[in-house]
Amino acid sequence: MTNVHFVSTLVYNPSDPIEPAKRLEWLRILLSAHLPLTLFVDDLFKKAVEGAPWFSSADHPELELVEWSLHDSETGRRCCNSAAQLALPEIRNGGKDGEFFMMLMNAKVELVTKARTDKPFVAFLDAGIVKIFKDVEGSLGRLKGLRMREDFTGVAIPGCWSVGSVSPEELARKICWMFCGGFFVVRREEADNLFEAATAALDHFLAKGQITWEVNVWVHMLTVPGAPQMKWFAADHNDRMTMIPGEWREFDAKPPGCDCPNPESNTA
């Protein structure tokens, strides 16, 4: 059984090129793994999930649906109060990477502090993460059986590019894939520190009337004194994101009802 509690969010974004029905389908697949999960949703998606023909709260005792508003969050208020209109990165996906999306991505570290759990670790997991998996069953099974070592500290986070120094000017201009934003794990008692450090890094951009992706903010967070250690492992936007290095994990038996490989066989 995993010692990680997962956190995710699903809210309506008017500029999202993906239809809500498709996001619900990705969520349905994710929920089929029965991960211990707190899902922060707006009113629209709360009604959509609860009214979906495939959903029954009795079948998902591991799931907590929490109604949530980005604009009522500390991250949302901070962004909205910083400037009438925030400058977006010069190089971006104009149809998707709007101000609301940037605010939502930066709220991830806030949401992991709000999980009500006794488990020693919390993890953010993108509600649509199954879309990037080639082996959906195997990757979800890996997450279901994930047990972090009791002495693990810091943030386990996948990344596409090697860790290095990037100027704030570059981080405000274009995406940096040093970290992948769809999944990370942190010790529960360190979650508040992660949020505080990420907020300090975000404030650097907000003070200049700018906003950028959360992964770029986390790169700048490396310069924040007292920030938790970002323990990077090589990955890409695929199944490798779930392959936390073996030296950071405990090994357990396959999760019940899962026909996927034992997590011990994945030490990448």
C-alpha atoms as a PDB file:
ATOM      1  CA  MET A   1       0.000   0.000   0.000  1.00  0.00           C
ATOM      2  CA  THR A   2       1.295   3.436  -0.899  1.00  0.00           C
ATOM      3  CA  ASN A   3       2.449   5.874   1.791  1.00  0.00           C
ATOM      4  CA  VAL A   4       1.713   8.806  -0.550  1.00  0.00           C
ATOM      5  CA  HIS A   5      -1.500  10.832  -0.697  1.00  0.00           C
ATOM      6  CA  PHE A   6      -2.166  12.310  -4.131  1.00  0.00           C
ATOM      7  CA  VAL A   7      -3.583  15.754  -4.861  1.00  0.00           C
ATOM      8  CA  SER A   8      -5.001  17.053  -8.122  1.00  0.00           C
ATOM      9  CA  THR A   9      -7.286  19.720  -9.503  1.00  0.00           C
ATOM     10  CA  LEU A  10      -9.838  20.054 -12.287  1.00  0.00           C
ATOM     11  CA  VAL A  11     -11.406  23.445 -12.956  1.00  0.00           C
ATOM     12  CA  TYR A  12     -12.933  25.032 -16.034  1.00  0.00           C
ATOM     13  CA  ASN A  13     -10.580  27.230 -18.022  1.00  0.00           C
ATOM     14  CA  PRO A  14     -12.312  29.236 -20.797  1.00  0.00           C
ATOM     15  CA  SER A  15      -9.160  29.210 -22.931  1.00  0.00           C
ATOM     16  CA  ASP A  16      -8.598  25.456 -22.581  1.00  0.00           C
ATOM     17  CA  PRO A  17      -8.493  23.877 -26.073  1.00  0.00           C
ATOM     18  CA  ILE A  18      -9.475  20.519 -24.527  1.00  0.00           C
ATOM     19  CA  GLU A  19     -13.203  19.868 -24.143  1.00  0.00           C
ATOM     20  CA  PRO A  20     -14.416  19.182 -20.575  1.00  0.00           C
ATOM     21  CA  ALA A  21     -15.735  15.784 -21.711  1.00  0.00           C
ATOM     22  CA  LYS A  22     -12.223  14.705 -22.693  1.00  0.00           C
ATOM     23  CA  ARG A  23     -10.830  15.861 -19.343  1.00  0.00           C
ATOM     24  CA  LEU A  24     -13.543  13.845 -17.596  1.00  0.00           C
ATOM     25  CA  GLU A  25     -12.561  10.780 -19.600  1.00  0.00           C
ATOM     26  CA  TRP A  26      -8.906  11.151 -18.569  1.00  0.00           C
ATOM     27  CA  LEU A  27     -10.061  11.566 -14.968  1.00  0.00           C
ATOM     28  CA  ARG A  28     -12.213   8.428 -15.222  1.00  0.00           C
ATOM     29  CA  ILE A  29      -9.137   6.423 -16.203  1.00  0.00           C
ATOM     30  CA  LEU A  30      -7.100   7.960 -13.376  1.00  0.00           C
ATOM     31  CA  LEU A  31      -9.798   7.187 -10.799  1.00  0.00           C
ATOM     32  CA  SER A  32      -9.903   3.560 -11.942  1.00  0.00           C
ATOM     33  CA  ALA A  33      -6.550   3.139 -10.143  1.00  0.00           C
ATOM     34  CA  HIS A  34      -8.225   4.006  -6.801  1.00  0.00           C
ATOM     35  CA  LEU A  35      -5.303   6.118  -5.635  1.00  0.00           C
ATOM     36  CA  PRO A  36      -5.787   7.913  -2.308  1.00  0.00           C
ATOM     37  CA  LEU A  37      -6.672  11.263  -3.848  1.00  0.00           C
ATOM     38  CA  THR A  38      -7.934  14.708  -2.948  1.00  0.00           C
ATOM     39  CA  LEU A  39      -9.378  16.336  -6.063  1.00  0.00           C
ATOM     40  CA  PHE A  40      -9.976  20.088  -5.937  1.00  0.00           C
ATOM     41  CA  VAL A  41     -12.766  20.995  -8.353  1.00  0.00           C
ATOM     42  CA  ASP A  42     -14.917  23.979  -9.226  1.00  0.00           C
ATOM     43  CA  ASP A  43     -18.702  23.796  -9.193  1.00  0.00           C
ATOM     44  CA  LEU A  44     -18.896  22.837 -12.871  1.00  0.00           C
ATOM     45  CA  PHE A  45     -16.580  19.843 -12.607  1.00  0.00           C
ATOM     46  CA  LYS A  46     -17.947  18.796  -9.198  1.00  0.00           C
ATOM     47  CA  LYS A  47     -21.384  18.419 -10.743  1.00  0.00           C
ATOM     48  CA  ALA A  48     -19.911  16.768 -13.823  1.00  0.00           C
ATOM     49  CA  VAL A  49     -17.997  14.166 -11.810  1.00  0.00           C
ATOM     50  CA  GLU A  50     -20.833  13.422  -9.405  1.00  0.00           C
ATOM     51  CA  GLY A  51     -23.287  13.149 -12.313  1.00  0.00           C
ATOM     52  CA  ALA A  52     -21.099  10.990 -14.544  1.00  0.00           C
ATOM     53  CA  PRO A  53     -22.635   7.553 -15.239  1.00  0.00           C
ATOM     54  CA  TRP A  54     -19.350   5.847 -14.400  1.00  0.00           C
ATOM     55  CA  PHE A  55     -18.965   7.528 -10.997  1.00  0.00           C
ATOM     56  CA  SER A  56     -20.281   6.438  -7.615  1.00  0.00           C
ATOM     57  CA  SER A  57     -18.898   7.810  -4.360  1.00  0.00           C
ATOM     58  CA  ALA A  58     -19.489   4.379  -2.809  1.00  0.00           C
ATOM     59  CA  ASP A  59     -17.072   2.896  -5.355  1.00  0.00           C
ATOM     60  CA  HIS A  60     -14.423   5.540  -4.577  1.00  0.00           C
ATOM     61  CA  PRO A  61     -13.990   5.761  -0.796  1.00  0.00           C
ATOM     62  CA  GLU A  62     -10.367   6.750  -1.427  1.00  0.00           C
ATOM     63  CA  LEU A  63     -11.462   9.961  -3.195  1.00  0.00           C
ATOM     64  CA  GLU A  64     -12.207  13.294  -1.550  1.00  0.00           C
ATOM     65  CA  LEU A  65     -13.872  15.852  -3.810  1.00  0.00           C
ATOM     66  CA  VAL A  66     -13.279  19.372  -2.532  1.00  0.00           C
ATOM     67  CA  GLU A  67     -15.022  22.359  -4.099  1.00  0.00           C
ATOM     68  CA  TRP A  68     -12.418  25.032  -4.719  1.00  0.00           C
ATOM     69  CA  SER A  69     -11.995  28.332  -6.514  1.00  0.00           C
ATOM     70  CA  LEU A  70      -8.703  29.541  -7.942  1.00  0.00           C
ATOM     71  CA  HIS A  71      -9.658  33.172  -7.349  1.00  0.00           C
ATOM     72  CA  ASP A  72     -10.294  32.456  -3.660  1.00  0.00           C
ATOM     73  CA  SER A  73      -6.925  30.751  -3.230  1.00  0.00           C
ATOM     74  CA  GLU A  74      -3.894  32.534  -1.830  1.00  0.00           C
ATOM     75  CA  THR A  75      -2.083  32.062  -5.140  1.00  0.00           C
ATOM     76  CA  GLY A  76      -4.996  33.474  -7.119  1.00  0.00           C
ATOM     77  CA  ARG A  77      -5.423  36.477  -4.824  1.00  0.00           C
ATOM     78  CA  ARG A  78      -1.704  37.179  -4.899  1.00  0.00           C
ATOM     79  CA  CYS A  79      -1.644  37.190  -8.695  1.00  0.00           C
ATOM     80  CA  CYS A  80      -4.814  39.261  -9.074  1.00  0.00           C
ATOM     81  CA  ASN A  81      -3.661  41.855  -6.545  1.00  0.00           C
ATOM     82  CA  SER A  82      -0.225  42.318  -8.093  1.00  0.00           C
ATOM     83  CA  ALA A  83      -1.232  44.067 -11.314  1.00  0.00           C
ATOM     84  CA  ALA A  84      -4.300  44.934 -13.368  1.00  0.00           C
ATOM     85  CA  GLN A  85      -2.909  42.736 -16.138  1.00  0.00           C
ATOM     86  CA  LEU A  86       0.130  40.503 -15.875  1.00  0.00           C
ATOM     87  CA  ALA A  87       2.589  40.242 -18.749  1.00  0.00           C
ATOM     88  CA  LEU A  88       2.659  36.740 -20.215  1.00  0.00           C
ATOM     89  CA  PRO A  89       5.776  35.021 -21.610  1.00  0.00           C
ATOM     90  CA  GLU A  90       6.730  36.165 -25.095  1.00  0.00           C
ATOM     91  CA  ILE A  91       7.088  32.601 -26.412  1.00  0.00           C
ATOM     92  CA  ARG A  92       4.054  30.525 -25.426  1.00  0.00           C
ATOM     93  CA  ASN A  93       1.062  28.604 -26.723  1.00  0.00           C
ATOM     94  CA  GLY A  94      -1.271  31.545 -27.175  1.00  0.00           C
ATOM     95  CA  GLY A  95      -4.411  29.420 -27.198  1.00  0.00           C
ATOM     96  CA  LYS A  96      -3.656  27.736 -23.868  1.00  0.00           C
ATOM     97  CA  ASP A  97      -1.045  29.644 -21.898  1.00  0.00           C
ATOM     98  CA  GLY A  98      -3.183  32.503 -20.659  1.00  0.00           C
ATOM     99  CA  GLU A  99      -3.173  34.256 -17.289  1.00  0.00           C
ATOM    100  CA  PHE A 100      -5.762  31.923 -15.732  1.00  0.00           C
ATOM    101  CA  PHE A 101      -3.756  28.859 -16.785  1.00  0.00           C
ATOM    102  CA  MET A 102      -0.515  30.300 -15.384  1.00  0.00           C
ATOM    103  CA  MET A 103      -2.224  31.100 -12.078  1.00  0.00           C
ATOM    104  CA  LEU A 104      -3.701  27.600 -11.878  1.00  0.00           C
ATOM    105  CA  MET A 105      -0.354  25.939 -12.530  1.00  0.00           C
ATOM    106  CA  ASN A 106       1.278  28.016  -9.799  1.00  0.00           C
ATOM    107  CA  ALA A 107      -1.430  26.943  -7.335  1.00  0.00           C
ATOM    108  CA  LYS A 108      -0.219  23.314  -7.362  1.00  0.00           C
ATOM    109  CA  VAL A 109       2.172  23.807  -4.458  1.00  0.00           C
ATOM    110  CA  GLU A 110      -0.601  25.481  -2.461  1.00  0.00           C
ATOM    111  CA  LEU A 111      -2.971  22.572  -3.016  1.00  0.00           C
ATOM    112  CA  VAL A 112      -0.585  19.952  -1.646  1.00  0.00           C
ATOM    113  CA  THR A 113      -0.590  21.829   1.673  1.00  0.00           C
ATOM    114  CA  LYS A 114      -4.370  21.406   1.906  1.00  0.00           C
ATOM    115  CA  ALA A 115      -4.556  17.600   1.712  1.00  0.00           C
ATOM    116  CA  ARG A 116      -6.134  16.064   4.807  1.00  0.00           C
ATOM    117  CA  THR A 117      -4.146  12.886   5.249  1.00  0.00           C
ATOM    118  CA  ASP A 118      -2.121  10.916   7.781  1.00  0.00           C
ATOM    119  CA  LYS A 119       0.225   9.619   5.100  1.00  0.00           C
ATOM    120  CA  PRO A 120       3.795  10.927   5.441  1.00  0.00           C
ATOM    121  CA  PHE A 121       4.054  12.073   1.806  1.00  0.00           C
ATOM    122  CA  VAL A 122       1.876  14.097  -0.533  1.00  0.00           C
ATOM    123  CA  ALA A 123       2.149  14.275  -4.291  1.00  0.00           C
ATOM    124  CA  PHE A 124       0.686  16.509  -6.948  1.00  0.00           C
ATOM    125  CA  LEU A 125      -0.614  14.542  -9.916  1.00  0.00           C
ATOM    126  CA  ASP A 126      -2.078  16.100 -13.047  1.00  0.00           C
ATOM    127  CA  ALA A 127      -5.748  15.069 -13.387  1.00  0.00           C
ATOM    128  CA  GLY A 128      -5.127  14.377 -17.079  1.00  0.00           C
ATOM    129  CA  ILE A 129      -1.772  12.674 -16.714  1.00  0.00           C
ATOM    130  CA  VAL A 130      -2.954   9.443 -18.332  1.00  0.00           C
ATOM    131  CA  LYS A 131      -2.908  11.205 -21.710  1.00  0.00           C
ATOM    132  CA  ILE A 132       0.893  11.100 -21.766  1.00  0.00           C
ATOM    133  CA  PHE A 133       1.276   7.450 -20.710  1.00  0.00           C
ATOM    134  CA  LYS A 134       2.033   4.756 -23.258  1.00  0.00           C
ATOM    135  CA  ASP A 135       1.524   2.037 -20.622  1.00  0.00           C
ATOM    136  CA  VAL A 136      -1.411   3.416 -18.639  1.00  0.00           C
ATOM    137  CA  GLU A 137      -1.946   0.320 -16.515  1.00  0.00           C
ATOM    138  CA  GLY A 138       1.737   0.001 -15.699  1.00  0.00           C
ATOM    139  CA  SER A 139       2.211   3.664 -14.790  1.00  0.00           C
ATOM    140  CA  LEU A 140      -0.927   3.838 -12.646  1.00  0.00           C
ATOM    141  CA  GLY A 141       0.090   0.602 -10.947  1.00  0.00           C
ATOM    142  CA  ARG A 142       3.510   2.086 -10.241  1.00  0.00           C
ATOM    143  CA  LEU A 143       1.858   5.054  -8.542  1.00  0.00           C
ATOM    144  CA  LYS A 144      -0.532   2.828  -6.622  1.00  0.00           C
ATOM    145  CA  GLY A 145       2.362   0.842  -5.208  1.00  0.00           C
ATOM    146  CA  LEU A 146       4.634   3.844  -4.573  1.00  0.00           C
ATOM    147  CA  ARG A 147       6.235   3.835  -1.138  1.00  0.00           C
ATOM    148  CA  MET A 148       8.768   6.552  -0.406  1.00  0.00           C
ATOM    149  CA  ARG A 149      11.563   5.804   2.061  1.00  0.00           C
ATOM    150  CA  GLU A 150      10.768   7.084   5.526  1.00  0.00           C
ATOM    151  CA  ASP A 151      14.019   9.067   5.596  1.00  0.00           C
ATOM    152  CA  PHE A 152      13.413  10.755   2.214  1.00  0.00           C
ATOM    153  CA  THR A 153      13.465  14.538   2.398  1.00  0.00           C
ATOM    154  CA  GLY A 154      13.048  17.230  -0.209  1.00  0.00           C
ATOM    155  CA  VAL A 155      10.986  17.040  -3.387  1.00  0.00           C
ATOM    156  CA  ALA A 156      11.175  14.114  -5.791  1.00  0.00           C
ATOM    157  CA  ILE A 157      10.518  15.644  -9.195  1.00  0.00           C
ATOM    158  CA  PRO A 158      11.034  14.504 -12.796  1.00  0.00           C
ATOM    159  CA  GLY A 159      12.669  16.726 -15.348  1.00  0.00           C
ATOM    160  CA  CYS A 160      13.462  16.804 -19.067  1.00  0.00           C
ATOM    161  CA  TRP A 161      16.470  19.125 -18.999  1.00  0.00           C
ATOM    162  CA  SER A 162      19.500  18.968 -16.733  1.00  0.00           C
ATOM    163  CA  VAL A 163      19.527  21.166 -13.653  1.00  0.00           C
ATOM    164  CA  GLY A 164      21.385  24.418 -14.175  1.00  0.00           C
ATOM    165  CA  SER A 165      21.216  28.170 -13.809  1.00  0.00           C
ATOM    166  CA  VAL A 166      18.635  30.087 -15.863  1.00  0.00           C
ATOM    167  CA  SER A 167      18.203  33.845 -15.682  1.00  0.00           C
ATOM    168  CA  PRO A 168      14.885  35.299 -14.480  1.00  0.00           C
ATOM    169  CA  GLU A 169      14.654  37.125 -17.806  1.00  0.00           C
ATOM    170  CA  GLU A 170      14.719  33.832 -19.719  1.00  0.00           C
ATOM    171  CA  LEU A 171      12.258  32.249 -17.292  1.00  0.00           C
ATOM    172  CA  ALA A 172       9.851  35.126 -17.911  1.00  0.00           C
ATOM    173  CA  ARG A 173      10.233  34.755 -21.688  1.00  0.00           C
ATOM    174  CA  LYS A 174       9.872  31.052 -22.544  1.00  0.00           C
ATOM    175  CA  ILE A 175       9.255  27.617 -21.053  1.00  0.00           C
ATOM    176  CA  CYS A 176      12.034  25.779 -19.241  1.00  0.00           C
ATOM    177  CA  TRP A 177      11.598  22.008 -18.914  1.00  0.00           C
ATOM    178  CA  MET A 178      14.151  21.510 -16.173  1.00  0.00           C
ATOM    179  CA  PHE A 179      11.189  20.197 -14.169  1.00  0.00           C
ATOM    180  CA  CYS A 180       8.006  18.467 -15.310  1.00  0.00           C
ATOM    181  CA  GLY A 181       4.961  19.984 -13.657  1.00  0.00           C
ATOM    182  CA  GLY A 182       2.586  17.021 -13.763  1.00  0.00           C
ATOM    183  CA  PHE A 183       3.959  15.041 -10.829  1.00  0.00           C
ATOM    184  CA  PHE A 184       6.094  15.570  -7.765  1.00  0.00           C
ATOM    185  CA  VAL A 185       6.295  14.088  -4.264  1.00  0.00           C
ATOM    186  CA  VAL A 186       7.139  15.921  -1.047  1.00  0.00           C
ATOM    187  CA  ARG A 187       7.204  14.928   2.604  1.00  0.00           C
ATOM    188  CA  ARG A 188       3.969  16.237   4.141  1.00  0.00           C
ATOM    189  CA  GLU A 189       5.799  18.185   6.844  1.00  0.00           C
ATOM    190  CA  GLU A 190       7.843  19.964   4.147  1.00  0.00           C
ATOM    191  CA  ALA A 191       4.847  20.948   1.992  1.00  0.00           C
ATOM    192  CA  ASP A 192       4.375  24.312   3.711  1.00  0.00           C
ATOM    193  CA  ASN A 193       8.033  25.175   3.188  1.00  0.00           C
ATOM    194  CA  LEU A 194       7.735  24.271  -0.489  1.00  0.00           C
ATOM    195  CA  PHE A 195       4.706  26.538  -0.854  1.00  0.00           C
ATOM    196  CA  GLU A 196       6.428  29.417   0.941  1.00  0.00           C
ATOM    197  CA  ALA A 197       9.577  29.109  -1.167  1.00  0.00           C
ATOM    198  CA  ALA A 198       7.628  28.830  -4.426  1.00  0.00           C
ATOM    199  CA  THR A 199       5.540  31.862  -3.406  1.00  0.00           C
ATOM    200  CA  ALA A 200       8.713  33.866  -2.778  1.00  0.00           C
ATOM    201  CA  ALA A 201       9.941  32.894  -6.242  1.00  0.00           C
ATOM    202  CA  LEU A 202       6.592  33.743  -7.831  1.00  0.00           C
ATOM    203  CA  ASP A 203       6.631  37.127  -6.090  1.00  0.00           C
ATOM    204  CA  HIS A 204       9.837  37.965  -7.947  1.00  0.00           C
ATOM    205  CA  PHE A 205       7.910  37.867 -11.236  1.00  0.00           C
ATOM    206  CA  LEU A 206       4.698  39.398  -9.905  1.00  0.00           C
ATOM    207  CA  ALA A 207       6.662  42.379  -8.580  1.00  0.00           C
ATOM    208  CA  LYS A 208       7.684  43.064 -12.194  1.00  0.00           C
ATOM    209  CA  GLY A 209       4.122  42.640 -13.458  1.00  0.00           C
ATOM    210  CA  GLN A 210       4.962  39.256 -14.966  1.00  0.00           C
ATOM    211  CA  ILE A 211       3.666  35.722 -14.643  1.00  0.00           C
ATOM    212  CA  THR A 212       5.213  32.520 -15.944  1.00  0.00           C
ATOM    213  CA  TRP A 213       4.780  28.770 -15.775  1.00  0.00           C
ATOM    214  CA  GLU A 214       5.077  27.041 -12.408  1.00  0.00           C
ATOM    215  CA  VAL A 215       8.003  24.956 -13.646  1.00  0.00           C
ATOM    216  CA  ASN A 216       9.885  28.174 -14.438  1.00  0.00           C
ATOM    217  CA  VAL A 217       9.013  29.580 -11.020  1.00  0.00           C
ATOM    218  CA  TRP A 218      10.424  26.398  -9.443  1.00  0.00           C
ATOM    219  CA  VAL A 219      13.680  26.902 -11.333  1.00  0.00           C
ATOM    220  CA  HIS A 220      13.950  30.401  -9.861  1.00  0.00           C
ATOM    221  CA  MET A 221      13.016  28.896  -6.471  1.00  0.00           C
ATOM    222  CA  LEU A 222      16.426  27.196  -6.482  1.00  0.00           C
ATOM    223  CA  THR A 223      17.836  30.606  -5.555  1.00  0.00           C
ATOM    224  CA  VAL A 224      15.459  31.122  -2.592  1.00  0.00           C
ATOM    225  CA  PRO A 225      17.230  30.635   0.776  1.00  0.00           C
ATOM    226  CA  GLY A 226      15.776  27.760   2.793  1.00  0.00           C
ATOM    227  CA  ALA A 227      13.857  26.240  -0.118  1.00  0.00           C
ATOM    228  CA  PRO A 228      13.498  22.444   0.057  1.00  0.00           C
ATOM    229  CA  GLN A 229      15.931  20.470  -2.056  1.00  0.00           C
ATOM    230  CA  MET A 230      14.542  19.642  -5.491  1.00  0.00           C
ATOM    231  CA  LYS A 231      15.686  16.064  -6.048  1.00  0.00           C
ATOM    232  CA  TRP A 232      15.617  15.833  -9.819  1.00  0.00           C
ATOM    233  CA  PHE A 233      15.455  12.618 -11.816  1.00  0.00           C
ATOM    234  CA  ALA A 234      15.647  12.247 -15.584  1.00  0.00           C
ATOM    235  CA  ALA A 235      12.316  11.800 -17.325  1.00  0.00           C
ATOM    236  CA  ASP A 236      10.151  13.083 -20.134  1.00  0.00           C
ATOM    237  CA  HIS A 237       6.447  13.745 -20.572  1.00  0.00           C
ATOM    238  CA  ASN A 238       5.599  10.048 -20.598  1.00  0.00           C
ATOM    239  CA  ASP A 239       5.643   7.009 -18.279  1.00  0.00           C
ATOM    240  CA  ARG A 240       9.153   7.867 -17.083  1.00  0.00           C
ATOM    241  CA  MET A 241       7.667  10.634 -14.942  1.00  0.00           C
ATOM    242  CA  THR A 242       6.412   7.942 -12.537  1.00  0.00           C
ATOM    243  CA  MET A 243       9.748   6.093 -12.308  1.00  0.00           C
ATOM    244  CA  ILE A 244      11.133   7.546  -9.088  1.00  0.00           C
ATOM    245  CA  PRO A 245      14.679   6.279  -8.460  1.00  0.00           C
ATOM    246  CA  GLY A 246      14.845   3.104  -6.409  1.00  0.00           C
ATOM    247  CA  GLU A 247      17.134   4.575  -3.748  1.00  0.00           C
ATOM    248  CA  TRP A 248      14.336   6.975  -2.740  1.00  0.00           C
ATOM    249  CA  ARG A 249      11.694   4.261  -2.459  1.00  0.00           C
ATOM    250  CA  GLU A 250      10.772   1.308  -0.319  1.00  0.00           C
ATOM    251  CA  PHE A 251       9.729  -1.818  -2.128  1.00  0.00           C
ATOM    252  CA  ASP A 252       6.368  -3.418  -1.553  1.00  0.00           C
ATOM    253  CA  ALA A 253       4.284  -6.125  -3.111  1.00  0.00           C
ATOM    254  CA  LYS A 254       2.103  -5.383  -6.117  1.00  0.00           C
ATOM    255  CA  PRO A 255      -0.955  -3.354  -5.175  1.00  0.00           C
ATOM    256  CA  PRO A 256      -4.098  -5.534  -4.851  1.00  0.00           C
ATOM    257  CA  GLY A 257      -5.972  -6.020  -8.088  1.00  0.00           C
ATOM    258  CA  CYS A 258      -3.171  -4.659 -10.229  1.00  0.00           C
ATOM    259  CA  ASP A 259      -1.649  -6.713 -13.043  1.00  0.00           C
ATOM    260  CA  CYS A 260       1.095  -4.200 -13.712  1.00  0.00           C
ATOM    261  CA  PRO A 261       4.802  -4.830 -13.051  1.00  0.00           C
ATOM    262  CA  ASN A 262       6.094  -4.727  -9.475  1.00  0.00           C
ATOM    263  CA  PRO A 263       7.448  -1.229  -8.734  1.00  0.00           C
ATOM    264  CA  GLU A 264      10.735  -2.855  -7.706  1.00  0.00           C
ATOM    265  CA  SER A 265      11.375  -3.687 -11.341  1.00  0.00           C
ATOM    266  CA  ASN A 266      11.438   0.029 -12.223  1.00  0.00           C
ATOM    267  CA  THR A 267      14.550   1.610 -10.794  1.00  0.00           C
ATOM    268  CA  ALA A 268      15.108   4.176 -13.530  1.00  0.00           C
END
